């Protein structure tokens, strides 16, 4: 997946800030998904 994002950023000429955003948003979503799973196990839901 990082290779796909890197290629997308390069082809769209996203720049440094755009590339950071392209990598940060999916990583943040993945972190939220993991946190949700951990919280559900802790609370026993």
PDB file of N, CA and C in Angstrom:
ATOM      1  N   UNK A   1       0.805  -1.198   0.000  1.00  0.00           N
ATOM      2  CA  UNK A   1       0.000   0.000   0.000  1.00  0.00           C
ATOM      3  C   UNK A   1       0.855   1.274   0.000  1.00  0.00           C
ATOM      4  N   UNK A   2       1.937   1.323   0.775  1.00  0.00           N
ATOM      5  CA  UNK A   2       2.755   2.539   0.723  1.00  0.00           C
ATOM      6  C   UNK A   2       3.283   2.835  -0.677  1.00  0.00           C
ATOM      7  N   UNK A   3       3.565   1.785  -1.449  1.00  0.00           N
ATOM      8  CA  UNK A   3       4.064   2.009  -2.803  1.00  0.00           C
ATOM      9  C   UNK A   3       2.991   2.632  -3.690  1.00  0.00           C
ATOM     10  N   UNK A   4       1.754   2.221  -3.500  1.00  0.00           N
ATOM     11  CA  UNK A   4       0.644   2.784  -4.267  1.00  0.00           C
ATOM     12  C   UNK A   4       0.459   4.259  -3.920  1.00  0.00           C
ATOM     13  N   UNK A   5       0.505   4.571  -2.628  1.00  0.00           N
ATOM     14  CA  UNK A   5       0.350   5.962  -2.194  1.00  0.00           C
ATOM     15  C   UNK A   5       1.503   6.805  -2.719  1.00  0.00           C
ATOM     16  N   UNK A   6       2.718   6.271  -2.656  1.00  0.00           N
ATOM     17  CA  UNK A   6       3.886   7.005  -3.139  1.00  0.00           C
ATOM     18  C   UNK A   6       3.759   7.307  -4.627  1.00  0.00           C
ATOM     19  N   UNK A   7       3.307   6.313  -5.406  1.00  0.00           N
ATOM     20  CA  UNK A   7       3.152   6.512  -6.840  1.00  0.00           C
ATOM     21  C   UNK A   7       2.060   7.540  -7.117  1.00  0.00           C
ATOM     22  N   UNK A   8       0.973   7.485  -6.379  1.00  0.00           N
ATOM     23  CA  UNK A   8      -0.108   8.449  -6.537  1.00  0.00           C
ATOM     24  C   UNK A   8       0.373   9.861  -6.236  1.00  0.00           C
ATOM     25  N   UNK A   9       1.142  10.019  -5.169  1.00  0.00           N
ATOM     26  CA  UNK A   9       1.663  11.335  -4.794  1.00  0.00           C
ATOM     27  C   UNK A   9       2.629  11.851  -5.863  1.00  0.00           C
ATOM     28  N   UNK A  10       3.453  10.963  -6.402  1.00  0.00           N
ATOM     29  CA  UNK A  10       4.428  11.377  -7.410  1.00  0.00           C
ATOM     30  C   UNK A  10       3.746  11.767  -8.716  1.00  0.00           C
ATOM     31  N   UNK A  11       2.766  10.977  -9.139  1.00  0.00           N
ATOM     32  CA  UNK A  11       2.080  11.262 -10.403  1.00  0.00           C
ATOM     33  C   UNK A  11       1.234  12.520 -10.325  1.00  0.00           C
ATOM     34  N   UNK A  12       0.670  12.811  -9.155  1.00  0.00           N
ATOM     35  CA  UNK A  12      -0.180  13.989  -9.017  1.00  0.00           C
ATOM     36  C   UNK A  12       0.611  15.230  -8.632  1.00  0.00           C
ATOM     37  N   UNK A  13       1.935  15.071  -8.462  1.00  0.00           N
ATOM     38  CA  UNK A  13       2.814  16.179  -8.051  1.00  0.00           C
ATOM     39  C   UNK A  13       2.274  16.848  -6.788  1.00  0.00           C
ATOM     40  N   UNK A  14       2.038  16.026  -5.777  1.00  0.00           N
ATOM     41  CA  UNK A  14       1.393  16.486  -4.547  1.00  0.00           C
ATOM     42  C   UNK A  14       2.293  17.384  -3.706  1.00  0.00           C
ATOM     43  N   UNK A  15       3.591  17.281  -3.840  1.00  0.00           N
ATOM     44  CA  UNK A  15       4.477  18.078  -3.014  1.00  0.00           C
ATOM     45  C   UNK A  15       4.696  17.419  -1.666  1.00  0.00           C
ATOM     46  N   UNK A  16       5.479  18.082  -0.840  1.00  0.00           N
ATOM     47  CA  UNK A  16       5.830  17.497   0.456  1.00  0.00           C
ATOM     48  C   UNK A  16       4.632  17.411   1.393  1.00  0.00           C
ATOM     49  N   UNK A  17       3.861  18.479   1.486  1.00  0.00           N
ATOM     50  CA  UNK A  17       2.712  18.492   2.392  1.00  0.00           C
ATOM     51  C   UNK A  17       1.612  17.540   1.908  1.00  0.00           C
ATOM     52  N   UNK A  18       1.363  17.530   0.612  1.00  0.00           N
ATOM     53  CA  UNK A  18       0.352  16.633   0.064  1.00  0.00           C
ATOM     54  C   UNK A  18       0.714  15.173   0.249  1.00  0.00           C
ATOM     55  N   UNK A  19       1.994  14.859   0.075  1.00  0.00           N
ATOM     56  CA  UNK A  19       2.448  13.486   0.277  1.00  0.00           C
ATOM     57  C   UNK A  19       2.274  13.081   1.735  1.00  0.00           C
ATOM     58  N   UNK A  20       2.585  13.988   2.649  1.00  0.00           N
ATOM     59  CA  UNK A  20       2.400  13.712   4.071  1.00  0.00           C
ATOM     60  C   UNK A  20       0.932  13.417   4.372  1.00  0.00           C
ATOM     61  N   UNK A  21       0.036  14.222   3.822  1.00  0.00           N
ATOM     62  CA  UNK A  21      -1.394  14.019   4.059  1.00  0.00           C
ATOM     63  C   UNK A  21      -1.843  12.686   3.470  1.00  0.00           C
ATOM     64  N   UNK A  22      -1.353  12.354   2.278  1.00  0.00           N
ATOM     65  CA  UNK A  22      -1.730  11.092   1.647  1.00  0.00           C
ATOM     66  C   UNK A  22      -1.287   9.893   2.476  1.00  0.00           C
ATOM     67  N   UNK A  23      -0.169   9.990   3.167  1.00  0.00           N
ATOM     68  CA  UNK A  23       0.284   8.892   4.014  1.00  0.00           C
ATOM     69  C   UNK A  23      -0.388   8.930   5.388  1.00  0.00           C
ATOM     70  N   UNK A  24      -0.651  10.128   5.914  1.00  0.00           N
ATOM     71  CA  UNK A  24      -1.172  10.273   7.272  1.00  0.00           C
ATOM     72  C   UNK A  24      -2.620   9.809   7.396  1.00  0.00           C
ATOM     73  N   UNK A  25      -3.457  10.152   6.437  1.00  0.00           N
ATOM     74  CA  UNK A  25      -4.888   9.863   6.553  1.00  0.00           C
ATOM     75  C   UNK A  25      -5.173   8.357   6.630  1.00  0.00           C
ATOM     76  N   UNK A  26      -4.623   7.521   5.722  1.00  0.00           N
ATOM     77  CA  UNK A  26      -4.875   6.079   5.875  1.00  0.00           C
ATOM     78  C   UNK A  26      -4.269   5.497   7.155  1.00  0.00           C
ATOM     79  N   UNK A  27      -3.104   6.006   7.556  1.00  0.00           N
ATOM     80  CA  UNK A  27      -2.477   5.518   8.784  1.00  0.00           C
ATOM     81  C   UNK A  27      -3.346   5.866   9.996  1.00  0.00           C
ATOM     82  N   UNK A  28      -3.919   7.060  10.000  1.00  0.00           N
ATOM     83  CA  UNK A  28      -4.782   7.481  11.102  1.00  0.00           C
ATOM     84  C   UNK A  28      -6.045   6.621  11.150  1.00  0.00           C
ATOM     85  N   UNK A  29      -6.602   6.281   9.984  1.00  0.00           N
ATOM     86  CA  UNK A  29      -7.775   5.424   9.932  1.00  0.00           C
ATOM     87  C   UNK A  29      -7.470   4.027  10.448  1.00  0.00           C
ATOM     88  N   UNK A  30      -6.304   3.505  10.083  1.00  0.00           N
ATOM     89  CA  UNK A  30      -5.899   2.186  10.548  1.00  0.00           C
ATOM     90  C   UNK A  30      -5.705   2.196  12.067  1.00  0.00           C
ATOM     91  N   UNK A  31      -5.107   3.256  12.585  1.00  0.00           N
ATOM     92  CA  UNK A  31      -4.905   3.381  14.025  1.00  0.00           C
ATOM     93  C   UNK A  31      -6.250   3.411  14.753  1.00  0.00           C
ATOM     94  N   UNK A  32      -7.217   4.118  14.201  1.00  0.00           N
ATOM     95  CA  UNK A  32      -8.544   4.164  14.804  1.00  0.00           C
ATOM     96  C   UNK A  32      -9.223   2.803  14.816  1.00  0.00           C
ATOM     97  N   UNK A  33      -9.048   2.050  13.739  1.00  0.00           N
ATOM     98  CA  UNK A  33      -9.637   0.713  13.656  1.00  0.00           C
ATOM     99  C   UNK A  33      -9.025  -0.212  14.709  1.00  0.00           C
ATOM    100  N   UNK A  34      -7.714  -0.126  14.886  1.00  0.00           N
ATOM    101  CA  UNK A  34      -7.030  -0.945  15.895  1.00  0.00           C
ATOM    102  C   UNK A  34      -7.463  -0.533  17.295  1.00  0.00           C
ATOM    103  N   UNK A  35      -7.549   0.777  17.524  1.00  0.00           N
ATOM    104  CA  UNK A  35      -7.967   1.265  18.840  1.00  0.00           C
ATOM    105  C   UNK A  35      -9.385   0.802  19.157  1.00  0.00           C
ATOM    106  N   UNK A  36     -10.259   0.810  18.163  1.00  0.00           N
ATOM    107  CA  UNK A  36     -11.636   0.353  18.368  1.00  0.00           C
ATOM    108  C   UNK A  36     -11.663  -1.109  18.803  1.00  0.00           C
ATOM    109  N   UNK A  37     -10.857  -1.929  18.169  1.00  0.00           N
ATOM    110  CA  UNK A  37     -10.806  -3.348  18.518  1.00  0.00           C
ATOM    111  C   UNK A  37     -10.300  -3.542  19.950  1.00  0.00           C
ATOM    112  N   UNK A  38      -9.278  -2.797  20.326  1.00  0.00           N
ATOM    113  CA  UNK A  38      -8.720  -2.905  21.678  1.00  0.00           C
ATOM    114  C   UNK A  38      -9.735  -2.445  22.722  1.00  0.00           C
ATOM    115  N   UNK A  39     -10.419  -1.335  22.457  1.00  0.00           N
ATOM    116  CA  UNK A  39     -11.407  -0.823  23.404  1.00  0.00           C
ATOM    117  C   UNK A  39     -12.555  -1.805  23.561  1.00  0.00           C
ATOM    118  N   UNK A  40     -12.983  -2.428  22.465  1.00  0.00           N
ATOM    119  CA  UNK A  40     -14.057  -3.414  22.567  1.00  0.00           C
ATOM    120  C   UNK A  40     -13.636  -4.611  23.409  1.00  0.00           C
ATOM    121  N   UNK A  41     -12.397  -5.052  23.284  1.00  0.00           N
ATOM    122  CA  UNK A  41     -11.925  -6.185  24.095  1.00  0.00           C
ATOM    123  C   UNK A  41     -11.836  -5.805  25.564  1.00  0.00           C
ATOM    124  N   UNK A  42     -11.375  -4.572  25.847  1.00  0.00           N
ATOM    125  CA  UNK A  42     -11.262  -4.127  27.243  1.00  0.00           C
ATOM    126  C   UNK A  42     -12.630  -4.026  27.899  1.00  0.00           C
ATOM    127  N   UNK A  43     -13.584  -3.443  27.183  1.00  0.00           N
ATOM    128  CA  UNK A  43     -14.922  -3.257  27.754  1.00  0.00           C
ATOM    129  C   UNK A  43     -15.790  -4.509  27.656  1.00  0.00           C
ATOM    130  N   UNK A  44     -15.340  -5.493  26.895  1.00  0.00           N
ATOM    131  CA  UNK A  44     -16.093  -6.740  26.768  1.00  0.00           C
ATOM    132  C   UNK A  44     -17.340  -6.598  25.930  1.00  0.00           C
ATOM    133  N   UNK A  45     -17.301  -5.773  24.926  1.00  0.00           N
ATOM    134  CA  UNK A  45     -18.471  -5.577  24.053  1.00  0.00           C
ATOM    135  C   UNK A  45     -18.493  -6.570  22.922  1.00  0.00           C
TER     136      UNK A  45
END
